[in-house]
């Protein structure tokens, strides 16, 4: 795990300057919405698609350390499926100078196919069971026998993957916010996978954490490069895959608490506005609310990291106490 993290971080750090220079030459710059915070207009043109650096770092780590197992393959199918969707969205934004990428229907179609393949691998070859572990309860929630259980498990996988990737994507609005919070969550899942003796998953999470730390070197304020949808969806994909493979889906909303808060702020803002034509927050996701309230960007990011560390520690404590009680 340490070797995977180290290799991924060093590769990402080494690749960064040349890759950022290449993005600048190609003019692959960030498109900034005019209706967003005015302080963000200065960020227009900053190179994006930095998530490609993260993926290359991760692949380098897996090439050196990982074993060719079905567990690793199932996770990579999920991760690179969502990353490919993010890469296409980034490309559309760059070429069309707008925020519209792949349609929702096509996203769900491609994700559905990826989930189905990963589902078959997880159930048949990895040994994942069709049940949900609820912390604090002795009995697990069984999704059903035969084809019913497979369908329900596939739906659960899809919900976990879509929810996690979109939540991480919503948090990617300030320099270093999604990367730092994602790294904290990945470190917790590295520990959980290790304690579950799922060492392939632990290597994947450790490698991704190392790659994200290397990327954060360039993404810290003021950012030299943005991760784009490619990176945020990839981080979310690794977290979702780790939660599914370690049977900790119910703990993921706690371990990734900041991402949940970001997503909830958007849902609440949208729903309340539809009902009352008024807003709860000055702008959603919630980090923009604090920006418009006068908080400096760095202060928001660091405070969200602290909050994320508290959420992650709480999630890990619940997991560890449940494991200790079971033993």
Protein backbone atom coordinates (compact mmCIF):
# COMPACT_ATOMS: atom_id res chain seq x y z
CA UNK A 1 0.00 0.00 0.00
CA UNK A 2 2.80 2.38 0.90
CA UNK A 3 4.68 1.49 -2.27
CA UNK A 4 1.54 2.02 -4.38
CA UNK A 5 0.95 5.42 -2.80
CA UNK A 6 4.58 6.42 -3.25
CA UNK A 7 4.78 5.34 -6.89
CA UNK A 8 1.49 7.05 -7.77
CA UNK A 9 2.52 10.29 -6.04
CA UNK A 10 5.99 10.41 -7.64
CA UNK A 11 4.65 9.66 -11.14
CA UNK A 12 1.98 12.34 -10.81
CA UNK A 13 4.51 14.88 -9.50
CA UNK A 14 6.95 14.08 -12.29
CA UNK A 15 4.28 14.17 -14.98
CA UNK A 16 2.62 17.38 -13.75
CA UNK A 17 4.78 20.20 -15.18
CA UNK A 18 5.00 18.78 -18.71
CA UNK A 19 1.35 17.74 -18.76
CA UNK A 20 0.21 21.20 -17.59
CA UNK A 21 2.45 22.82 -20.22
CA UNK A 22 0.89 20.58 -22.88
CA UNK A 23 -2.62 21.54 -21.75
CA UNK A 24 -1.65 25.21 -21.98
CA UNK A 25 -0.25 24.79 -25.49
CA UNK A 26 -3.44 23.03 -26.58
CA UNK A 27 -5.51 25.71 -24.82
CA UNK A 28 -7.49 23.13 -22.87
CA UNK A 29 -8.69 25.72 -20.37
CA UNK A 30 -11.51 25.74 -17.85
CA UNK A 31 -14.86 27.25 -18.87
CA UNK A 32 -16.25 29.40 -16.02
CA UNK A 33 -19.97 30.17 -15.78
CA UNK A 34 -20.79 33.87 -15.66
CA UNK A 35 -23.54 33.26 -13.07
CA UNK A 36 -20.99 31.81 -10.62
CA UNK A 37 -19.00 33.80 -8.03
CA UNK A 38 -17.28 36.75 -9.67
CA UNK A 39 -13.99 35.82 -7.99
CA UNK A 40 -13.91 32.71 -10.18
CA UNK A 41 -13.79 34.64 -13.46
CA UNK A 42 -10.02 35.03 -13.04
CA UNK A 43 -9.76 31.22 -13.18
CA UNK A 44 -11.08 31.08 -16.74
CA UNK A 45 -8.55 29.44 -19.01
CA UNK A 46 -6.77 27.52 -16.24
CA UNK A 47 -5.80 24.10 -17.68
CA UNK A 48 -8.31 21.36 -16.90
CA UNK A 49 -8.52 17.57 -17.39
CA UNK A 50 -5.83 17.17 -14.72
CA UNK A 51 -7.64 14.00 -13.70
CA UNK A 52 -5.72 12.30 -16.50
CA UNK A 53 -2.55 12.82 -14.42
CA UNK A 54 -4.23 11.12 -11.46
CA UNK A 55 -5.27 8.13 -13.58
CA UNK A 56 -1.79 7.74 -15.05
CA UNK A 57 -0.30 7.83 -11.55
CA UNK A 58 -2.80 5.22 -10.38
CA UNK A 59 -2.09 2.94 -13.34
CA UNK A 60 1.67 3.21 -12.73
CA UNK A 61 1.17 2.18 -9.11
CA UNK A 62 -1.05 -0.75 -10.04
CA UNK A 63 1.43 -1.87 -12.68
CA UNK A 64 4.19 -2.02 -10.07
CA UNK A 65 2.26 -3.37 -7.09
CA UNK A 66 -1.18 -4.79 -7.91
CA UNK A 67 -1.99 -8.41 -8.63
CA UNK A 68 -4.17 -9.28 -11.65
CA UNK A 69 -7.22 -10.37 -9.65
CA UNK A 70 -10.95 -10.21 -10.34
CA UNK A 71 -11.33 -7.83 -7.41
CA UNK A 72 -8.93 -5.34 -9.00
CA UNK A 73 -10.55 -5.82 -12.41
CA UNK A 74 -14.08 -5.22 -11.07
CA UNK A 75 -12.94 -2.02 -9.35
CA UNK A 76 -11.07 -0.77 -12.42
CA UNK A 77 -14.11 -1.35 -14.65
CA UNK A 78 -16.12 0.95 -12.41
CA UNK A 79 -13.38 3.56 -12.04
CA UNK A 80 -12.43 3.85 -15.69
CA UNK A 81 -16.06 3.77 -16.85
CA UNK A 82 -16.93 6.85 -14.80
CA UNK A 83 -13.57 8.46 -15.65
CA UNK A 84 -14.27 7.97 -19.37
CA UNK A 85 -17.63 9.72 -18.94
CA UNK A 86 -15.86 12.55 -17.12
CA UNK A 87 -13.20 12.81 -19.82
CA UNK A 88 -15.87 13.09 -22.52
CA UNK A 89 -17.68 15.78 -20.52
CA UNK A 90 -14.43 17.71 -20.08
CA UNK A 91 -13.71 17.47 -23.79
CA UNK A 92 -17.20 18.75 -24.66
CA UNK A 93 -16.83 21.70 -22.29
CA UNK A 94 -13.46 22.60 -23.77
CA UNK A 95 -14.46 22.34 -27.42
CA UNK A 96 -17.96 23.82 -27.12
CA UNK A 97 -17.20 26.35 -24.36
CA UNK A 98 -20.24 25.21 -22.37
CA UNK A 99 -21.15 22.96 -19.46
CA UNK A 100 -23.08 20.37 -21.45
CA UNK A 101 -21.45 17.01 -22.08
CA UNK A 102 -22.81 13.50 -22.34
CA UNK A 103 -26.60 13.28 -21.95
CA UNK A 104 -28.07 11.83 -18.75
CA UNK A 105 -29.55 8.88 -20.64
CA UNK A 106 -26.23 7.91 -22.21
CA UNK A 107 -24.47 8.32 -18.86
CA UNK A 108 -26.87 5.88 -17.22
CA UNK A 109 -26.61 3.50 -20.17
CA UNK A 110 -22.80 3.34 -20.03
CA UNK A 111 -22.80 3.19 -16.23
CA UNK A 112 -25.43 0.47 -16.30
CA UNK A 113 -23.32 -1.68 -18.64
CA UNK A 114 -20.22 -1.15 -16.50
CA UNK A 115 -22.13 -1.97 -13.30
CA UNK A 116 -23.55 -5.13 -14.84
CA UNK A 117 -20.09 -6.40 -15.83
CA UNK A 118 -18.62 -5.44 -12.45
CA UNK A 119 -21.64 -7.03 -10.74
CA UNK A 120 -21.05 -10.36 -12.46
CA UNK A 121 -17.37 -10.30 -11.56
CA UNK A 122 -18.09 -9.31 -7.95
CA UNK A 123 -20.77 -11.95 -7.36
CA UNK A 124 -19.31 -14.85 -9.32
CA UNK A 125 -15.55 -14.45 -8.98
CA UNK A 126 -14.83 -12.06 -6.10
CA UNK A 127 -17.30 -13.65 -3.71
CA UNK A 128 -19.36 -10.56 -2.86
CA UNK A 129 -22.69 -11.55 -1.31
CA UNK A 130 -26.10 -10.07 -2.16
CA UNK A 131 -26.63 -8.49 1.23
CA UNK A 132 -26.17 -5.12 2.89
CA UNK A 133 -24.26 -4.83 6.16
CA UNK A 134 -25.91 -2.37 8.54
CA UNK A 135 -23.51 -1.19 11.29
CA UNK A 136 -24.82 -1.92 14.78
CA UNK A 137 -27.18 -4.69 13.70
CA UNK A 138 -26.36 -8.38 13.96
CA UNK A 139 -28.56 -9.36 11.02
CA UNK A 140 -27.62 -8.24 7.52
CA UNK A 141 -30.20 -7.00 5.05
CA UNK A 142 -30.61 -9.74 2.43
CA UNK A 143 -31.63 -8.32 -0.94
CA UNK A 144 -33.27 -11.52 -2.13
CA UNK A 145 -32.54 -14.87 -3.73
CA UNK A 146 -31.61 -15.65 -7.32
CA UNK A 147 -32.27 -13.16 -10.07
CA UNK A 148 -34.18 -10.82 -7.72
CA UNK A 149 -31.14 -10.47 -5.49
CA UNK A 150 -28.86 -9.87 -8.47
CA UNK A 151 -31.14 -7.15 -9.86
CA UNK A 152 -31.50 -5.41 -6.48
CA UNK A 153 -27.75 -5.64 -5.87
CA UNK A 154 -27.08 -4.15 -9.31
CA UNK A 155 -29.49 -1.29 -8.56
CA UNK A 156 -27.73 -0.69 -5.23
CA UNK A 157 -24.34 -0.64 -6.97
CA UNK A 158 -25.63 1.83 -9.54
CA UNK A 159 -27.07 4.12 -6.84
CA UNK A 160 -23.83 4.03 -4.83
CA UNK A 161 -21.68 4.74 -7.89
CA UNK A 162 -23.88 7.49 -9.33
CA UNK A 163 -24.44 9.13 -5.95
CA UNK A 164 -20.77 9.07 -4.93
CA UNK A 165 -19.34 10.25 -8.24
CA UNK A 166 -21.81 13.12 -8.55
CA UNK A 167 -21.27 14.19 -4.93
CA UNK A 168 -17.50 14.36 -5.42
CA UNK A 169 -18.04 16.22 -8.69
CA UNK A 170 -20.20 18.85 -6.94
CA UNK A 171 -17.45 19.40 -4.34
CA UNK A 172 -14.92 20.17 -7.08
CA UNK A 173 -15.51 23.90 -7.09
CA UNK A 174 -12.61 25.35 -5.10
CA UNK A 175 -8.87 24.84 -5.44
CA UNK A 176 -7.92 21.62 -3.64
CA UNK A 177 -11.31 21.03 -2.01
CA UNK A 178 -12.35 17.79 -3.73
CA UNK A 179 -8.77 16.49 -3.94
CA UNK A 180 -8.04 17.01 -0.24
CA UNK A 181 -11.38 15.68 0.99
CA UNK A 182 -11.15 12.76 -1.43
CA UNK A 183 -7.67 11.86 -0.19
CA UNK A 184 -8.90 11.75 3.42
CA UNK A 185 -11.74 9.39 2.48
CA UNK A 186 -9.40 7.22 0.40
CA UNK A 187 -7.00 6.82 3.31
CA UNK A 188 -9.84 5.60 5.53
CA UNK A 189 -10.91 3.08 2.90
CA UNK A 190 -7.32 1.94 2.55
CA UNK A 191 -7.38 1.09 6.27
CA UNK A 192 -10.81 -0.57 6.07
CA UNK A 193 -9.80 -2.71 3.10
CA UNK A 194 -6.62 -3.73 4.91
CA UNK A 195 -8.54 -4.76 8.03
CA UNK A 196 -10.96 -6.70 5.82
CA UNK A 197 -7.92 -8.48 4.32
CA UNK A 198 -8.90 -7.21 0.88
CA UNK A 199 -5.37 -6.19 0.04
CA UNK A 200 -6.06 -5.62 -3.66
CA UNK A 201 -8.69 -2.99 -2.75
CA UNK A 202 -6.30 -1.49 -0.18
CA UNK A 203 -3.61 -1.13 -2.85
CA UNK A 204 -6.11 0.51 -5.21
CA UNK A 205 -7.23 3.02 -2.57
CA UNK A 206 -3.66 3.68 -1.43
CA UNK A 207 -2.50 4.20 -5.00
CA UNK A 208 -5.36 6.59 -5.71
CA UNK A 209 -4.63 8.51 -2.50
CA UNK A 210 -0.99 8.90 -3.53
CA UNK A 211 -1.95 10.07 -7.01
CA UNK A 212 -4.37 12.62 -5.55
CA UNK A 213 -1.69 13.95 -3.17
CA UNK A 214 0.66 14.38 -6.13
CA UNK A 215 -2.08 16.20 -8.03
CA UNK A 216 -2.82 18.41 -5.02
CA UNK A 217 0.71 19.81 -5.34
CA UNK A 218 -0.45 21.56 -8.53
CA UNK A 219 -4.11 22.01 -7.55
CA UNK A 220 -3.54 23.95 -4.32
CA UNK A 221 -4.59 27.61 -4.37
CA UNK A 222 -3.98 29.28 -6.74
CA UNK A 223 -4.48 26.17 -8.87
CA UNK A 224 -2.19 25.54 -11.83
CA UNK A 225 -4.56 22.85 -13.11
CA UNK A 226 -8.07 21.59 -12.37
CA UNK A 227 -8.94 17.89 -12.18
CA UNK A 228 -12.14 18.33 -14.17
CA UNK A 229 -14.88 15.71 -14.30
CA UNK A 230 -12.24 13.14 -15.26
CA UNK A 231 -10.60 13.34 -11.85
CA UNK A 232 -13.62 13.96 -9.63
CA UNK A 233 -15.58 11.07 -11.13
CA UNK A 234 -12.53 8.80 -10.87
CA UNK A 235 -12.13 9.60 -7.16
CA UNK A 236 -15.82 8.94 -6.63
CA UNK A 237 -15.52 5.70 -8.60
CA UNK A 238 -12.71 4.39 -6.38
CA UNK A 239 -14.63 5.29 -3.21
CA UNK A 240 -17.79 3.62 -4.51
CA UNK A 241 -15.93 0.48 -5.62
CA UNK A 242 -14.14 0.25 -2.27
CA UNK A 243 -17.43 0.61 -0.36
CA UNK A 244 -19.10 -2.12 -2.44
CA UNK A 245 -16.21 -4.57 -2.27
CA UNK A 246 -15.74 -4.13 1.50
CA UNK A 247 -19.52 -4.24 2.15
CA UNK A 248 -19.50 -0.82 3.81
CA UNK A 249 -22.01 0.95 1.56
CA UNK A 250 -23.93 2.21 4.59
CA UNK A 251 -20.79 3.83 6.03
CA UNK A 252 -19.82 5.63 2.83
CA UNK A 253 -22.16 8.63 3.46
CA UNK A 254 -20.41 9.17 6.81
CA UNK A 255 -16.84 8.62 5.60
CA UNK A 256 -17.53 10.97 2.67
CA UNK A 257 -19.57 13.39 4.78
CA UNK A 258 -18.46 16.60 3.09
CA UNK A 259 -19.47 15.23 -0.31
CA UNK A 260 -22.90 14.35 1.10
CA UNK A 261 -23.30 17.88 2.48
CA UNK A 262 -22.39 19.35 -0.92
CA UNK A 263 -24.94 17.16 -2.69
CA UNK A 264 -27.66 17.79 -0.09
CA UNK A 265 -27.18 21.55 -0.39
CA UNK A 266 -27.88 21.34 -4.13
CA UNK A 267 -30.93 19.10 -3.64
CA UNK A 268 -32.36 21.34 -0.91
CA UNK A 269 -31.68 24.51 -2.88
CA UNK A 270 -33.33 23.12 -6.01
CA UNK A 271 -36.35 21.66 -4.20
CA UNK A 272 -36.99 24.73 -2.04
CA UNK A 273 -36.68 27.06 -5.03
CA UNK A 274 -39.16 24.98 -7.03
CA UNK A 275 -41.69 25.16 -4.20
CA UNK A 276 -41.25 28.75 -3.02
CA UNK A 277 -39.19 30.53 -5.71
CA UNK A 278 -36.81 31.46 -2.88
CA UNK A 279 -33.33 30.21 -1.98
CA UNK A 280 -31.99 28.67 1.22
CA UNK A 281 -28.35 29.39 0.37
CA UNK A 282 -26.84 32.32 -1.47
CA UNK A 283 -25.56 29.77 -3.98
CA UNK A 284 -25.22 26.00 -4.13
CA UNK A 285 -23.17 23.85 -3.69
CA UNK A 286 -22.70 25.11 -0.17
CA UNK A 287 -19.03 26.09 -0.54
CA UNK A 288 -20.20 28.90 -2.84
CA UNK A 289 -22.56 30.10 -0.11
CA UNK A 290 -19.60 30.63 2.20
CA UNK A 291 -17.67 32.34 -0.61
CA UNK A 292 -20.48 34.84 -1.11
CA UNK A 293 -20.66 35.27 2.68
CA UNK A 294 -17.12 36.69 2.61
CA UNK A 295 -14.99 33.67 3.52
CA UNK A 296 -11.64 33.42 1.76
CA UNK A 297 -11.23 30.43 -0.57
CA UNK A 298 -8.32 28.93 1.38
CA UNK A 299 -10.24 29.22 4.66
CA UNK A 300 -13.25 27.38 3.20
CA UNK A 301 -11.06 24.61 1.79
CA UNK A 302 -9.10 24.01 5.00
CA UNK A 303 -12.24 24.09 7.15
CA UNK A 304 -13.95 21.61 4.83
CA UNK A 305 -10.86 19.37 5.05
CA UNK A 306 -11.12 19.50 8.86
CA UNK A 307 -14.81 18.69 8.67
CA UNK A 308 -14.10 15.84 6.27
CA UNK A 309 -11.43 14.45 8.63
CA UNK A 310 -14.00 14.46 11.45
CA UNK A 311 -16.56 12.65 9.29
CA UNK A 312 -13.99 10.11 8.13
CA UNK A 313 -12.79 9.47 11.69
CA UNK A 314 -16.38 8.96 12.86
CA UNK A 315 -17.06 6.53 10.01
CA UNK A 316 -13.91 4.55 10.73
CA UNK A 317 -14.70 4.45 14.45
CA UNK A 318 -18.17 3.05 13.73
CA UNK A 319 -16.63 0.45 11.45
CA UNK A 320 -13.95 -0.50 13.98
CA UNK A 321 -16.39 -0.74 16.89
CA UNK A 322 -18.71 -2.91 14.77
CA UNK A 323 -15.78 -5.14 13.83
CA UNK A 324 -14.62 -5.38 17.47
CA UNK A 325 -18.14 -6.21 18.66
CA UNK A 326 -18.51 -8.88 15.99
CA UNK A 327 -15.21 -10.47 17.04
